[in-house]
C-alpha atoms as a PDB file:
ATOM      1  CA  MET A   1      -6.737  28.090  24.449  1.00  0.00           C
ATOM      2  CA  LEU A   2     -10.527  27.932  24.530  1.00  0.00           C
ATOM      3  CA  LYS A   3     -12.474  28.405  21.308  1.00  0.00           C
ATOM      4  CA  GLU A   4     -16.245  28.148  21.070  1.00  0.00           C
ATOM      5  CA  ALA A   5     -17.065  25.097  18.967  1.00  0.00           C
ATOM      6  CA  TYR A   6     -18.887  25.180  15.665  1.00  0.00           C
ATOM      7  CA  LEU A   7     -19.828  21.501  15.535  1.00  0.00           C
ATOM      8  CA  PHE A   8     -22.640  20.969  18.031  1.00  0.00           C
ATOM      9  CA  LYS A   9     -26.379  21.196  18.494  1.00  0.00           C
ATOM     10  CA  LYS A  10     -28.629  21.679  21.496  1.00  0.00           C
ATOM     11  CA  ALA A  11     -30.264  18.549  22.912  1.00  0.00           C
ATOM     12  CA  GLY A  12     -32.608  19.714  25.648  1.00  0.00           C
ATOM     13  CA  GLU A  13     -30.536  20.861  28.602  1.00  0.00           C
ATOM     14  CA  ARG A  14     -27.415  19.232  27.178  1.00  0.00           C
ATOM     15  CA  ILE A  15     -25.237  19.775  24.144  1.00  0.00           C
ATOM     16  CA  LYS A  16     -24.582  17.135  21.500  1.00  0.00           C
ATOM     17  CA  CYS A  17     -21.092  17.322  20.037  1.00  0.00           C
ATOM     18  CA  LEU A  18     -20.943  16.733  16.269  1.00  0.00           C
ATOM     19  CA  ALA A  19     -17.171  16.389  15.924  1.00  0.00           C
ATOM     20  CA  CYS A  20     -17.487  12.630  15.500  1.00  0.00           C
ATOM     21  CA  ALA A  21     -20.176  10.002  15.066  1.00  0.00           C
ATOM     22  CA  ARG A  22     -19.970   9.145  18.785  1.00  0.00           C
ATOM     23  CA  GLY A  23     -22.151  12.209  19.413  1.00  0.00           C
ATOM     24  CA  CYS A  24     -21.314  12.806  23.072  1.00  0.00           C
ATOM     25  CA  LEU A  25     -24.183  14.361  25.038  1.00  0.00           C
ATOM     26  CA  LEU A  26     -22.581  16.772  27.483  1.00  0.00           C
ATOM     27  CA  GLY A  27     -23.830  18.705  30.453  1.00  0.00           C
ATOM     28  CA  GLU A  28     -22.227  21.603  32.268  1.00  0.00           C
ATOM     29  CA  GLY A  29     -18.594  20.878  33.150  1.00  0.00           C
ATOM     30  CA  GLN A  30     -18.457  17.630  31.205  1.00  0.00           C
ATOM     31  CA  ILE A  31     -15.773  16.753  28.640  1.00  0.00           C
ATOM     32  CA  GLY A  32     -16.313  14.408  25.721  1.00  0.00           C
ATOM     33  CA  PHE A  33     -14.739  10.998  25.083  1.00  0.00           C
ATOM     34  CA  CYS A  34     -11.947  12.694  23.104  1.00  0.00           C
ATOM     35  CA  GLY A  35     -10.777  14.708  26.111  1.00  0.00           C
ATOM     36  CA  VAL A  36     -10.584  18.048  24.299  1.00  0.00           C
ATOM     37  CA  ARG A  37     -14.195  19.195  23.806  1.00  0.00           C
ATOM     38  CA  GLY A  38     -16.183  20.327  26.825  1.00  0.00           C
ATOM     39  CA  VAL A  39     -19.074  22.437  28.067  1.00  0.00           C
ATOM     40  CA  LYS A  40     -18.531  25.595  30.067  1.00  0.00           C
ATOM     41  CA  GLY A  41     -21.157  28.226  30.763  1.00  0.00           C
ATOM     42  CA  GLY A  42     -23.690  26.379  28.635  1.00  0.00           C
ATOM     43  CA  LYS A  43     -21.467  26.432  25.533  1.00  0.00           C
ATOM     44  CA  LEU A  44     -19.315  23.793  23.872  1.00  0.00           C
ATOM     45  CA  TYR A  45     -15.639  24.675  23.540  1.00  0.00           C
ATOM     46  CA  LEU A  46     -12.650  23.192  21.785  1.00  0.00           C
ATOM     47  CA  LEU A  47     -10.229  23.126  24.698  1.00  0.00           C
ATOM     48  CA  ASN A  48      -7.039  22.700  22.671  1.00  0.00           C
ATOM     49  CA  TYR A  49      -7.522  25.307  19.973  1.00  0.00           C
ATOM     50  CA  GLY A  50      -4.063  26.348  18.804  1.00  0.00           C
ATOM     51  CA  ILE A  51      -2.254  23.864  21.069  1.00  0.00           C
ATOM     52  CA  ILE A  52       0.020  21.632  18.967  1.00  0.00           C
ATOM     53  CA  GLU A  53       1.830  18.682  20.505  1.00  0.00           C
ATOM     54  CA  ALA A  54       3.531  17.216  17.395  1.00  0.00           C
ATOM     55  CA  LEU A  55       4.920  18.938  14.320  1.00  0.00           C
ATOM     56  CA  HIS A  56       7.085  17.437  11.588  1.00  0.00           C
ATOM     57  CA  MET A  57       7.915  17.777   7.905  1.00  0.00           C
ATOM     58  CA  ASP A  58       6.863  14.579   6.138  1.00  0.00           C
ATOM     59  CA  PRO A  59       6.768  13.121   2.643  1.00  0.00           C
ATOM     60  CA  ILE A  60       3.181  12.786   1.428  1.00  0.00           C
ATOM     61  CA  GLU A  61       3.812   9.049   1.020  1.00  0.00           C
ATOM     62  CA  LYS A  62       4.032   8.682   4.805  1.00  0.00           C
ATOM     63  CA  LYS A  63       0.331   9.486   5.255  1.00  0.00           C
ATOM     64  CA  PRO A  64       0.083   7.310   3.079  1.00  0.00           C
ATOM     65  CA  LEU A  65      -1.149   9.203   0.024  1.00  0.00           C
ATOM     66  CA  VAL A  66       0.381   7.936  -3.196  1.00  0.00           C
ATOM     67  CA  HIS A  67      -2.072   9.216  -5.816  1.00  0.00           C
ATOM     68  CA  PHE A  68      -2.086  12.801  -4.554  1.00  0.00           C
ATOM     69  CA  TYR A  69       0.817  15.096  -5.449  1.00  0.00           C
ATOM     70  CA  PRO A  70       3.416  12.309  -5.212  1.00  0.00           C
ATOM     71  CA  GLY A  71       6.840  13.457  -4.060  1.00  0.00           C
ATOM     72  CA  SER A  72       5.452  16.503  -2.257  1.00  0.00           C
ATOM     73  CA  LYS A  73       6.127  17.419   1.360  1.00  0.00           C
ATOM     74  CA  VAL A  74       3.680  18.363   4.059  1.00  0.00           C
ATOM     75  CA  LEU A  75       3.923  20.091   7.391  1.00  0.00           C
ATOM     76  CA  SER A  76       2.245  17.527   9.647  1.00  0.00           C
ATOM     77  CA  MET A  77       0.626  18.516  12.921  1.00  0.00           C
ATOM     78  CA  GLY A  78      -1.173  16.804  15.758  1.00  0.00           C
ATOM     79  CA  THR A  79      -2.684  17.621  19.120  1.00  0.00           C
ATOM     80  CA  THR A  80      -3.857  15.366  21.971  1.00  0.00           C
ATOM     81  CA  GLY A  81      -6.948  13.198  22.336  1.00  0.00           C
ATOM     82  CA  CYS A  82      -8.928  10.942  20.003  1.00  0.00           C
ATOM     83  CA  SER A  83     -12.456   9.779  19.235  1.00  0.00           C
ATOM     84  CA  TRP A  84     -11.266   6.138  19.359  1.00  0.00           C
ATOM     85  CA  ALA A  85      -9.310   4.153  21.941  1.00  0.00           C
ATOM     86  CA  CYS A  86      -7.228   1.759  19.839  1.00  0.00           C
ATOM     87  CA  ALA A  87      -5.371  -0.761  21.980  1.00  0.00           C
ATOM     88  CA  TYR A  88      -2.539  -0.896  19.415  1.00  0.00           C
ATOM     89  CA  CYS A  89      -2.097   2.835  18.703  1.00  0.00           C
ATOM     90  CA  GLN A  90       1.489   3.771  17.873  1.00  0.00           C
ATOM     91  CA  ASN A  91       0.762   7.382  18.826  1.00  0.00           C
ATOM     92  CA  PHE A  92      -0.958   6.499  22.108  1.00  0.00           C
ATOM     93  CA  ASP A  93       1.114   9.105  23.969  1.00  0.00           C
ATOM     94  CA  LEU A  94      -0.817  11.721  21.978  1.00  0.00           C
ATOM     95  CA  SER A  95      -4.130  10.094  21.149  1.00  0.00           C
ATOM     96  CA  GLN A  96      -4.864   8.626  24.568  1.00  0.00           C
ATOM     97  CA  ARG A  97      -3.661  11.627  26.541  1.00  0.00           C
ATOM     98  CA  LYS A  98      -6.918  13.084  27.824  1.00  0.00           C
ATOM     99  CA  ARG A  99      -5.522  16.466  28.750  1.00  0.00           C
ATOM    100  CA  VAL A 100      -4.514  19.521  26.782  1.00  0.00           C
ATOM    101  CA  GLU A 101      -0.765  19.954  26.374  1.00  0.00           C
ATOM    102  CA  GLY A 102       1.557  21.412  23.757  1.00  0.00           C
ATOM    103  CA  ILE A 103       2.875  24.617  22.250  1.00  0.00           C
ATOM    104  CA  GLU A 104       0.540  27.467  21.368  1.00  0.00           C
ATOM    105  CA  MET A 105       0.414  28.260  17.638  1.00  0.00           C
ATOM    106  CA  MET A 106      -2.291  30.259  15.921  1.00  0.00           C
ATOM    107  CA  PRO A 107      -3.278  29.563  12.275  1.00  0.00           C
ATOM    108  CA  ASP A 108      -1.023  32.308  10.934  1.00  0.00           C
ATOM    109  CA  ASP A 109       1.913  30.840  12.856  1.00  0.00           C
ATOM    110  CA  VAL A 110       1.350  27.455  11.233  1.00  0.00           C
ATOM    111  CA  ILE A 111       1.086  28.935   7.741  1.00  0.00           C
ATOM    112  CA  ASN A 112       4.233  31.014   8.182  1.00  0.00           C
ATOM    113  CA  LEU A 113       6.142  27.986   9.433  1.00  0.00           C
ATOM    114  CA  ALA A 114       4.949  25.909   6.478  1.00  0.00           C
ATOM    115  CA  LYS A 115       6.164  28.581   4.072  1.00  0.00           C
ATOM    116  CA  ARG A 116       9.493  28.852   5.844  1.00  0.00           C
ATOM    117  CA  TYR A 117      10.132  25.128   5.421  1.00  0.00           C
ATOM    118  CA  GLY A 118       8.892  25.031   1.821  1.00  0.00           C
ATOM    119  CA  ALA A 119       5.892  22.791   2.451  1.00  0.00           C
ATOM    120  CA  ASP A 120       3.528  21.998  -0.407  1.00  0.00           C
ATOM    121  CA  GLY A 121       0.666  21.284   1.939  1.00  0.00           C
ATOM    122  CA  LEU A 122      -0.571  20.743   5.467  1.00  0.00           C
ATOM    123  CA  ALA A 123      -1.374  17.378   7.054  1.00  0.00           C
ATOM    124  CA  TYR A 124      -3.540  16.949  10.139  1.00  0.00           C
ATOM    125  CA  THR A 125      -2.399  13.664  11.624  1.00  0.00           C
ATOM    126  CA  TYR A 126      -0.733  11.784  14.538  1.00  0.00           C
ATOM    127  CA  ASN A 127      -4.019  11.942  16.465  1.00  0.00           C
ATOM    128  CA  GLU A 128      -7.561  12.145  15.088  1.00  0.00           C
ATOM    129  CA  PRO A 129      -8.003  15.547  13.351  1.00  0.00           C
ATOM    130  CA  SER A 130     -11.806  15.585  13.493  1.00  0.00           C
ATOM    131  CA  ILE A 131     -11.731  16.233  17.238  1.00  0.00           C
ATOM    132  CA  PHE A 132      -9.847  19.515  16.717  1.00  0.00           C
ATOM    133  CA  ALA A 133     -12.006  20.353  13.706  1.00  0.00           C
ATOM    134  CA  GLU A 134     -12.367  24.090  14.365  1.00  0.00           C
ATOM    135  CA  PHE A 135      -8.603  24.603  14.599  1.00  0.00           C
ATOM    136  CA  ALA A 136      -7.966  22.446  11.519  1.00  0.00           C
ATOM    137  CA  HIS A 137     -10.633  24.433   9.668  1.00  0.00           C
ATOM    138  CA  ASP A 138      -9.110  27.809  10.496  1.00  0.00           C
ATOM    139  CA  VAL A 139      -5.598  26.654   9.600  1.00  0.00           C
ATOM    140  CA  GLY A 140      -6.844  24.946   6.446  1.00  0.00           C
ATOM    141  CA  VAL A 141      -8.814  27.912   5.123  1.00  0.00           C
ATOM    142  CA  GLU A 142      -5.809  30.196   5.568  1.00  0.00           C
ATOM    143  CA  GLY A 143      -3.515  27.525   4.143  1.00  0.00           C
ATOM    144  CA  ARG A 144      -5.591  27.224   0.998  1.00  0.00           C
ATOM    145  CA  LYS A 145      -5.417  31.000   0.527  1.00  0.00           C
ATOM    146  CA  ALA A 146      -1.616  30.683   0.760  1.00  0.00           C
ATOM    147  CA  GLY A 147      -1.534  27.998  -1.951  1.00  0.00           C
ATOM    148  CA  LEU A 148      -1.154  25.001   0.374  1.00  0.00           C
ATOM    149  CA  PHE A 149      -3.251  21.864   0.030  1.00  0.00           C
ATOM    150  CA  ASN A 150      -4.801  20.182   3.099  1.00  0.00           C
ATOM    151  CA  VAL A 151      -4.915  16.467   3.902  1.00  0.00           C
ATOM    152  CA  PHE A 152      -6.287  14.401   6.790  1.00  0.00           C
ATOM    153  CA  VAL A 153      -5.105  11.100   8.195  1.00  0.00           C
ATOM    154  CA  SER A 154      -8.284  10.016   9.920  1.00  0.00           C
ATOM    155  CA  ASN A 155     -10.530   7.247  11.143  1.00  0.00           C
ATOM    156  CA  GLY A 156     -13.358   8.745   9.061  1.00  0.00           C
ATOM    157  CA  TYR A 157     -15.787   8.545  11.977  1.00  0.00           C
ATOM    158  CA  PHE A 158     -17.573  11.725  10.931  1.00  0.00           C
ATOM    159  CA  THR A 159     -20.981  13.373  10.973  1.00  0.00           C
ATOM    160  CA  ASP A 160     -22.614  14.894   7.890  1.00  0.00           C
ATOM    161  CA  GLU A 161     -22.345  18.356   9.455  1.00  0.00           C
ATOM    162  CA  GLU A 162     -18.640  17.846   9.937  1.00  0.00           C
ATOM    163  CA  ILE A 163     -18.052  16.796   6.331  1.00  0.00           C
ATOM    164  CA  ASP A 164     -19.811  19.948   5.120  1.00  0.00           C
ATOM    165  CA  TYR A 165     -17.499  21.948   7.391  1.00  0.00           C
ATOM    166  CA  PHE A 166     -14.407  20.167   6.048  1.00  0.00           C
ATOM    167  CA  THR A 167     -15.250  20.797   2.391  1.00  0.00           C
ATOM    168  CA  GLU A 168     -14.319  24.437   2.929  1.00  0.00           C
ATOM    169  CA  PHE A 169     -10.646  23.455   2.993  1.00  0.00           C
ATOM    170  CA  LEU A 170      -9.989  19.690   2.759  1.00  0.00           C
ATOM    171  CA  ASP A 171      -8.403  18.339  -0.440  1.00  0.00           C
ATOM    172  CA  ALA A 172      -7.532  14.720   0.374  1.00  0.00           C
ATOM    173  CA  ILE A 173      -7.946  12.145   3.111  1.00  0.00           C
ATOM    174  CA  THR A 174      -6.553   8.796   4.118  1.00  0.00           C
ATOM    175  CA  VAL A 175      -9.232   6.872   6.000  1.00  0.00           C
ATOM    176  CA  ASP A 176      -7.686   4.187   8.160  1.00  0.00           C
ATOM    177  CA  PHE A 177      -9.705   1.047   8.780  1.00  0.00           C
ATOM    178  CA  LYS A 178      -8.523  -1.367  11.441  1.00  0.00           C
ATOM    179  CA  GLY A 179      -8.868  -5.140  11.280  1.00  0.00           C
ATOM    180  CA  ASN A 180     -10.577  -4.976   7.864  1.00  0.00           C
ATOM    181  CA  GLY A 181     -13.395  -2.907   9.375  1.00  0.00           C
ATOM    182  CA  ASN A 182     -14.772  -5.859  11.336  1.00  0.00           C
ATOM    183  CA  ARG A 183     -17.429  -4.637  13.787  1.00  0.00           C
ATOM    184  CA  SER A 184     -16.521  -6.989  16.644  1.00  0.00           C
ATOM    185  CA  PHE A 185     -12.837  -6.143  16.297  1.00  0.00           C
ATOM    186  CA  LEU A 186     -13.495  -2.402  16.412  1.00  0.00           C
ATOM    187  CA  ARG A 187     -15.785  -2.716  19.422  1.00  0.00           C
ATOM    188  CA  ARG A 188     -13.295  -4.742  21.428  1.00  0.00           C
ATOM    189  CA  TYR A 189      -9.999  -3.128  20.444  1.00  0.00           C
ATOM    190  CA  ALA A 190     -10.937   0.467  19.531  1.00  0.00           C
ATOM    191  CA  ALA A 191     -14.087   1.201  21.574  1.00  0.00           C
ATOM    192  CA  VAL A 192     -16.027   1.966  18.388  1.00  0.00           C
ATOM    193  CA  PRO A 193     -19.734   1.112  18.699  1.00  0.00           C
ATOM    194  CA  ASP A 194     -20.342   0.601  14.988  1.00  0.00           C
ATOM    195  CA  PRO A 195     -18.178   1.170  11.869  1.00  0.00           C
ATOM    196  CA  GLU A 196     -21.181   2.142   9.709  1.00  0.00           C
ATOM    197  CA  PRO A 197     -20.529   5.935  10.005  1.00  0.00           C
ATOM    198  CA  ILE A 198     -17.133   5.383   8.339  1.00  0.00           C
ATOM    199  CA  PHE A 199     -18.755   3.904   5.252  1.00  0.00           C
ATOM    200  CA  SER A 200     -21.346   6.685   5.101  1.00  0.00           C
ATOM    201  CA  SER A 201     -18.621   9.307   5.447  1.00  0.00           C
ATOM    202  CA  LEU A 202     -16.536   7.778   2.681  1.00  0.00           C
ATOM    203  CA  LYS A 203     -19.405   7.956   0.219  1.00  0.00           C
ATOM    204  CA  GLU A 204     -20.094  11.577   1.140  1.00  0.00           C
ATOM    205  CA  LEU A 205     -16.412  12.569   0.956  1.00  0.00           C
ATOM    206  CA  ARG A 206     -16.162  11.023  -2.500  1.00  0.00           C
ATOM    207  CA  ARG A 207     -19.386  12.732  -3.599  1.00  0.00           C
ATOM    208  CA  LYS A 208     -17.969  16.088  -2.541  1.00  0.00           C
ATOM    209  CA  GLY A 209     -14.842  15.601  -4.661  1.00  0.00           C
ATOM    210  CA  ILE A 210     -12.298  15.020  -1.891  1.00  0.00           C
ATOM    211  CA  HIS A 211      -9.505  12.645  -2.907  1.00  0.00           C
ATOM    212  CA  VAL A 212      -9.815   9.426  -0.883  1.00  0.00           C
ATOM    213  CA  GLU A 213      -7.331   6.657  -0.161  1.00  0.00           C
ATOM    214  CA  ILE A 214      -7.976   3.737   2.167  1.00  0.00           C
ATOM    215  CA  THR A 215      -5.614   2.083   4.621  1.00  0.00           C
ATOM    216  CA  ASP A 216      -6.307  -1.068   6.573  1.00  0.00           C
ATOM    217  CA  LEU A 217      -4.133  -2.098   9.498  1.00  0.00           C
ATOM    218  CA  VAL A 218      -3.977  -5.888   9.318  1.00  0.00           C
ATOM    219  CA  VAL A 219      -3.658  -7.093  12.914  1.00  0.00           C
ATOM    220  CA  PRO A 220      -2.502 -10.730  13.063  1.00  0.00           C
ATOM    221  CA  GLU A 221      -4.546 -13.389  14.839  1.00  0.00           C
ATOM    222  CA  ILE A 222      -7.364 -11.017  15.870  1.00  0.00           C
ATOM    223  CA  GLY A 223      -8.011  -8.818  12.807  1.00  0.00           C
ATOM    224  CA  ASP A 224      -6.721 -10.484   9.653  1.00  0.00           C
ATOM    225  CA  SER A 225      -9.745 -12.286   8.197  1.00  0.00           C
ATOM    226  CA  LEU A 226      -9.564 -12.663   4.422  1.00  0.00           C
ATOM    227  CA  ASP A 227     -13.366 -12.808   4.301  1.00  0.00           C
ATOM    228  CA  ASP A 228     -13.492  -9.382   5.939  1.00  0.00           C
ATOM    229  CA  ALA A 229     -10.809  -8.116   3.559  1.00  0.00           C
ATOM    230  CA  ARG A 230     -12.865  -9.356   0.626  1.00  0.00           C
ATOM    231  CA  ARG A 231     -16.011  -7.641   1.908  1.00  0.00           C
ATOM    232  CA  LEU A 232     -14.144  -4.385   2.449  1.00  0.00           C
ATOM    233  CA  SER A 233     -12.544  -4.540  -1.018  1.00  0.00           C
ATOM    234  CA  ARG A 234     -15.903  -5.271  -2.629  1.00  0.00           C
ATOM    235  CA  TRP A 235     -17.516  -2.352  -0.803  1.00  0.00           C
ATOM    236  CA  ILE A 236     -14.761   0.009  -1.979  1.00  0.00           C
ATOM    237  CA  LEU A 237     -15.170  -1.210  -5.558  1.00  0.00           C
ATOM    238  CA  GLU A 238     -18.942  -0.756  -5.543  1.00  0.00           C
ATOM    239  CA  ASN A 239     -19.099   2.554  -3.685  1.00  0.00           C
ATOM    240  CA  LEU A 240     -15.840   4.402  -4.363  1.00  0.00           C
ATOM    241  CA  GLY A 241     -14.656   2.898  -7.646  1.00  0.00           C
ATOM    242  CA  ASP A 242     -11.914   0.586  -8.866  1.00  0.00           C
ATOM    243  CA  ASP A 243      -9.370   3.440  -9.012  1.00  0.00           C
ATOM    244  CA  THR A 244      -9.483   3.970  -5.222  1.00  0.00           C
ATOM    245  CA  PRO A 245      -6.099   3.054  -3.709  1.00  0.00           C
ATOM    246  CA  ILE A 246      -6.072   0.700  -0.744  1.00  0.00           C
ATOM    247  CA  HIS A 247      -3.032   0.135   1.466  1.00  0.00           C
ATOM    248  CA  PHE A 248      -2.764  -2.960   3.672  1.00  0.00           C
ATOM    249  CA  LEU A 249      -0.441  -2.027   6.520  1.00  0.00           C
ATOM    250  CA  ARG A 250       1.790  -4.287   8.568  1.00  0.00           C
ATOM    251  CA  PHE A 251       1.013  -4.218  12.279  1.00  0.00           C
ATOM    252  CA  HIS A 252       3.829  -3.657  14.775  1.00  0.00           C
ATOM    253  CA  PRO A 253       3.155  -4.554  18.430  1.00  0.00           C
ATOM    254  CA  ASP A 254       2.593  -1.442  20.547  1.00  0.00           C
ATOM    255  CA  TYR A 255       0.716   0.029  23.512  1.00  0.00           C
ATOM    256  CA  LYS A 256      -1.594  -2.678  24.917  1.00  0.00           C
ATOM    257  CA  LEU A 257      -1.037  -5.322  22.246  1.00  0.00           C
ATOM    258  CA  LEU A 258       2.635  -6.007  22.776  1.00  0.00           C
ATOM    259  CA  TRP A 259       1.910  -9.739  22.936  1.00  0.00           C
ATOM    260  CA  LEU A 260       1.046  -9.953  19.242  1.00  0.00           C
ATOM    261  CA  PRO A 261       3.647 -10.568  16.509  1.00  0.00           C
ATOM    262  CA  GLU A 262       4.203  -8.426  13.439  1.00  0.00           C
ATOM    263  CA  THR A 263       1.831  -9.202  10.609  1.00  0.00           C
ATOM    264  CA  PRO A 264       3.331 -12.046   8.562  1.00  0.00           C
ATOM    265  CA  LEU A 265       4.256 -11.004   5.062  1.00  0.00           C
ATOM    266  CA  SER A 266       2.244 -13.931   3.706  1.00  0.00           C
ATOM    267  CA  THR A 267      -0.890 -12.509   5.367  1.00  0.00           C
ATOM    268  CA  LEU A 268      -0.360  -9.104   3.780  1.00  0.00           C
ATOM    269  CA  GLU A 269       0.253 -10.647   0.372  1.00  0.00           C
ATOM    270  CA  ALA A 270      -2.940 -12.687   0.707  1.00  0.00           C
ATOM    271  CA  HIS A 271      -4.849  -9.460   1.395  1.00  0.00           C
ATOM    272  CA  TYR A 272      -3.251  -7.925  -1.685  1.00  0.00           C
ATOM    273  CA  ARG A 273      -4.421 -10.827  -3.847  1.00  0.00           C
ATOM    274  CA  VAL A 274      -7.966 -10.662  -2.461  1.00  0.00           C
ATOM    275  CA  ALA A 275      -8.296  -6.940  -3.253  1.00  0.00           C
ATOM    276  CA  LYS A 276      -6.964  -7.494  -6.784  1.00  0.00           C
ATOM    277  CA  GLU A 277      -9.342 -10.424  -7.296  1.00  0.00           C
ATOM    278  CA  GLU A 278     -12.233  -8.168  -6.331  1.00  0.00           C
ATOM    279  CA  GLY A 279     -11.238  -5.740  -9.073  1.00  0.00           C
ATOM    280  CA  LEU A 280      -9.338  -2.952  -7.305  1.00  0.00           C
ATOM    281  CA  LYS A 281      -6.642  -1.619  -9.631  1.00  0.00           C
ATOM    282  CA  PHE A 282      -4.310   0.018  -7.119  1.00  0.00           C
ATOM    283  CA  VAL A 283      -3.433  -2.119  -4.115  1.00  0.00           C
ATOM    284  CA  TYR A 284      -0.406  -1.454  -1.908  1.00  0.00           C
ATOM    285  CA  LEU A 285       1.371  -2.951   1.073  1.00  0.00           C
ATOM    286  CA  GLY A 286       2.694  -0.622   3.765  1.00  0.00           C
ATOM    287  CA  ASN A 287       5.375  -0.828   6.458  1.00  0.00           C
ATOM    288  CA  VAL A 288       7.334  -3.308   4.309  1.00  0.00           C
ATOM    289  CA  PRO A 289      10.160  -1.242   2.741  1.00  0.00           C
ATOM    290  CA  GLY A 290      11.572  -2.841  -0.393  1.00  0.00           C
ATOM    291  CA  HIS A 291       8.525  -4.971  -1.219  1.00  0.00           C
ATOM    292  CA  PRO A 292       7.440  -4.813  -4.886  1.00  0.00           C
ATOM    293  CA  TYR A 293       3.850  -4.123  -3.818  1.00  0.00           C
ATOM    294  CA  GLU A 294       4.936  -0.653  -2.664  1.00  0.00           C
ATOM    295  CA  HIS A 295       5.098   0.337  -6.340  1.00  0.00           C
ATOM    296  CA  THR A 296       2.371   1.757  -8.571  1.00  0.00           C
ATOM    297  CA  TYR A 297       1.772  -0.419 -11.610  1.00  0.00           C
ATOM    298  CA  CYS A 298       0.013   0.622 -14.800  1.00  0.00           C
ATOM    299  CA  PRO A 299      -3.308  -1.269 -14.895  1.00  0.00           C
ATOM    300  CA  ASN A 300      -3.155  -1.313 -18.692  1.00  0.00           C
ATOM    301  CA  CYS A 301       0.311  -2.715 -19.433  1.00  0.00           C
ATOM    302  CA  GLY A 302       1.469  -3.806 -15.971  1.00  0.00           C
ATOM    303  CA  ALA A 303       4.677  -1.769 -16.012  1.00  0.00           C
ATOM    304  CA  PRO A 304       5.895  -0.084 -12.790  1.00  0.00           C
ATOM    305  CA  VAL A 305       5.169   3.622 -13.244  1.00  0.00           C
ATOM    306  CA  ILE A 306       6.288   4.768  -9.778  1.00  0.00           C
ATOM    307  CA  LYS A 307       8.772   2.705  -7.785  1.00  0.00           C
ATOM    308  CA  ARG A 308       9.180   3.320  -4.064  1.00  0.00           C
ATOM    309  CA  TYR A 309      11.330   2.242  -1.187  1.00  0.00           C
ATOM    310  CA  GLY A 310       9.372   3.079   1.927  1.00  0.00           C
ATOM    311  CA  PHE A 311       8.480   6.765   1.609  1.00  0.00           C
ATOM    312  CA  GLU A 312      11.059   7.478  -1.081  1.00  0.00           C
ATOM    313  CA  ILE A 313      10.368   7.521  -4.810  1.00  0.00           C
ATOM    314  CA  ILE A 314      13.293   5.752  -6.474  1.00  0.00           C
ATOM    315  CA  GLU A 315      12.082   5.619 -10.080  1.00  0.00           C
ATOM    316  CA  TYR A 316       9.234   7.063 -12.109  1.00  0.00           C
ATOM    317  CA  ASN A 317       7.918   6.277 -15.546  1.00  0.00           C
ATOM    318  CA  ILE A 318       5.107   8.789 -15.961  1.00  0.00           C
ATOM    319  CA  ASP A 319       5.074  12.060 -17.863  1.00  0.00           C
ATOM    320  CA  ASP A 320       3.866  15.460 -16.639  1.00  0.00           C
ATOM    321  CA  GLU A 321       0.265  14.481 -17.412  1.00  0.00           C
ATOM    322  CA  ASN A 322       0.574  11.298 -15.347  1.00  0.00           C
ATOM    323  CA  ARG A 323       0.524   9.036 -18.378  1.00  0.00           C
ATOM    324  CA  CYS A 324       2.413   5.755 -18.440  1.00  0.00           C
ATOM    325  CA  LYS A 325       5.560   6.204 -20.526  1.00  0.00           C
ATOM    326  CA  PHE A 326       5.239   2.655 -21.820  1.00  0.00           C
ATOM    327  CA  CYS A 327       1.653   2.611 -23.101  1.00  0.00           C
ATOM    328  CA  GLY A 328       0.230   6.125 -22.593  1.00  0.00           C
ATOM    329  CA  TYR A 329      -2.427   5.081 -20.051  1.00  0.00           C
ATOM    330  CA  LYS A 330      -3.681   8.017 -17.965  1.00  0.00           C
ATOM    331  CA  LEU A 331      -3.099   7.250 -14.275  1.00  0.00           C
ATOM    332  CA  PRO A 332      -5.697   8.545 -11.768  1.00  0.00           C
ATOM    333  CA  ILE A 333      -3.125  10.622  -9.906  1.00  0.00           C
ATOM    334  CA  LYS A 334      -3.930  14.160  -8.782  1.00  0.00           C
ATOM    335  CA  GLY A 335      -1.148  16.698  -9.224  1.00  0.00           C
ATOM    336  CA  LYS A 336       2.275  16.430 -10.820  1.00  0.00           C
ATOM    337  CA  LEU A 337       4.959  14.229  -9.364  1.00  0.00           C
ATOM    338  CA  LYS A 338       7.507  16.354  -7.554  1.00  0.00           C
ATOM    339  CA  LYS A 339      11.127  15.296  -7.905  1.00  0.00           C
ATOM    340  CA  GLU A 340      12.737  16.062  -4.569  1.00  0.00           C
ATOM    341  CA  PRO A 341      15.017  13.800  -2.484  1.00  0.00           C
ATOM    342  CA  LEU A 342      13.707  12.318   0.742  1.00  0.00           C
ATOM    343  CA  TYR A 343      16.087  14.255   2.992  1.00  0.00           C
ATOM    344  CA  ARG A 344      14.415  17.461   1.810  1.00  0.00           C
ATOM    345  CA  ARG A 345      10.984  16.146   2.810  1.00  0.00           C
ATOM    346  CA  PHE A 346      11.439  14.237   6.055  1.00  0.00           C
ATOM    347  CA  PHE A 347      12.747  16.082   9.133  1.00  0.00           C
ATOM    348  CA  PRO A 348      11.641  17.636  12.427  1.00  0.00           C
ATOM    349  CA  VAL A 349      10.869  21.330  12.611  1.00  0.00           C
ATOM    350  CA  GLU A 350      11.448  23.847  15.373  1.00  0.00           C
ATOM    351  CA  PHE A 351       8.319  25.373  16.873  1.00  0.00           C
END
């Protein structure tokens, strides 16, 4: 379905799209890098408004968000296209598909489905949500009215205009760095000209009160520099604060990088140590079920306050005010922990 875009500005005889920092300049009949925003009749349109290609009920921990309504469940949705071209993308069948495909669902349909499955919130994920910003906005505004929170899993490659637009509905975001945010890595393996807009966006998102967590996909051999990890950790400390969670994720070979191995556990653990040395209080490892660094530890007494196995919470030692039961330290967690088994939070939906 076509929907006239909100995020654009005129640039002479062309239109500049503002749905990501790439800022595609488009003439009549042209479609942007993402594959889903194009000019027709002198106007910019979102070409996949209301066209959903992936829909699933997920635990919030899968995003990953671990300091935002832990134990809750979200109706996760994705479309096609992306503002990046990651050579290792595990959702390449969605993100790198430069054509509009899927099932038509209007915002009310999404909200009704979320209610039917007992979702606590809505997650815009699987492909980059900023490229379908107008649809996410309309779903999110209606979702908030219905008592649902809204979260993004995103590359954070935003414009200032876009962030203002998102503050009307967005509650939390996971911003996913790749290769420790190294510029050369992102240029070669993700077709990103410069990572600087990500850093600017993170500061603005934090300033506007949106809950932020950071992930960093640690790609072995080509994107696993400890110096880069140290710089990224130091930047987070200085600009977002020592309470900002960071998740170092294990890479699994996929798409065009099948020749690489999985990230060695020793490499992930070294990243963990670097982030802790720089002063970050909440550091996690991802895609390593059963590892003790999946847990949340009290920064005051060191006790495990939330234990996890993968996406499942297996033990908790915090009260209803998110205070450590051992020493009373107030954890920077938004929302109460919800005690619901994983099988109630992790399943496909019919749409």
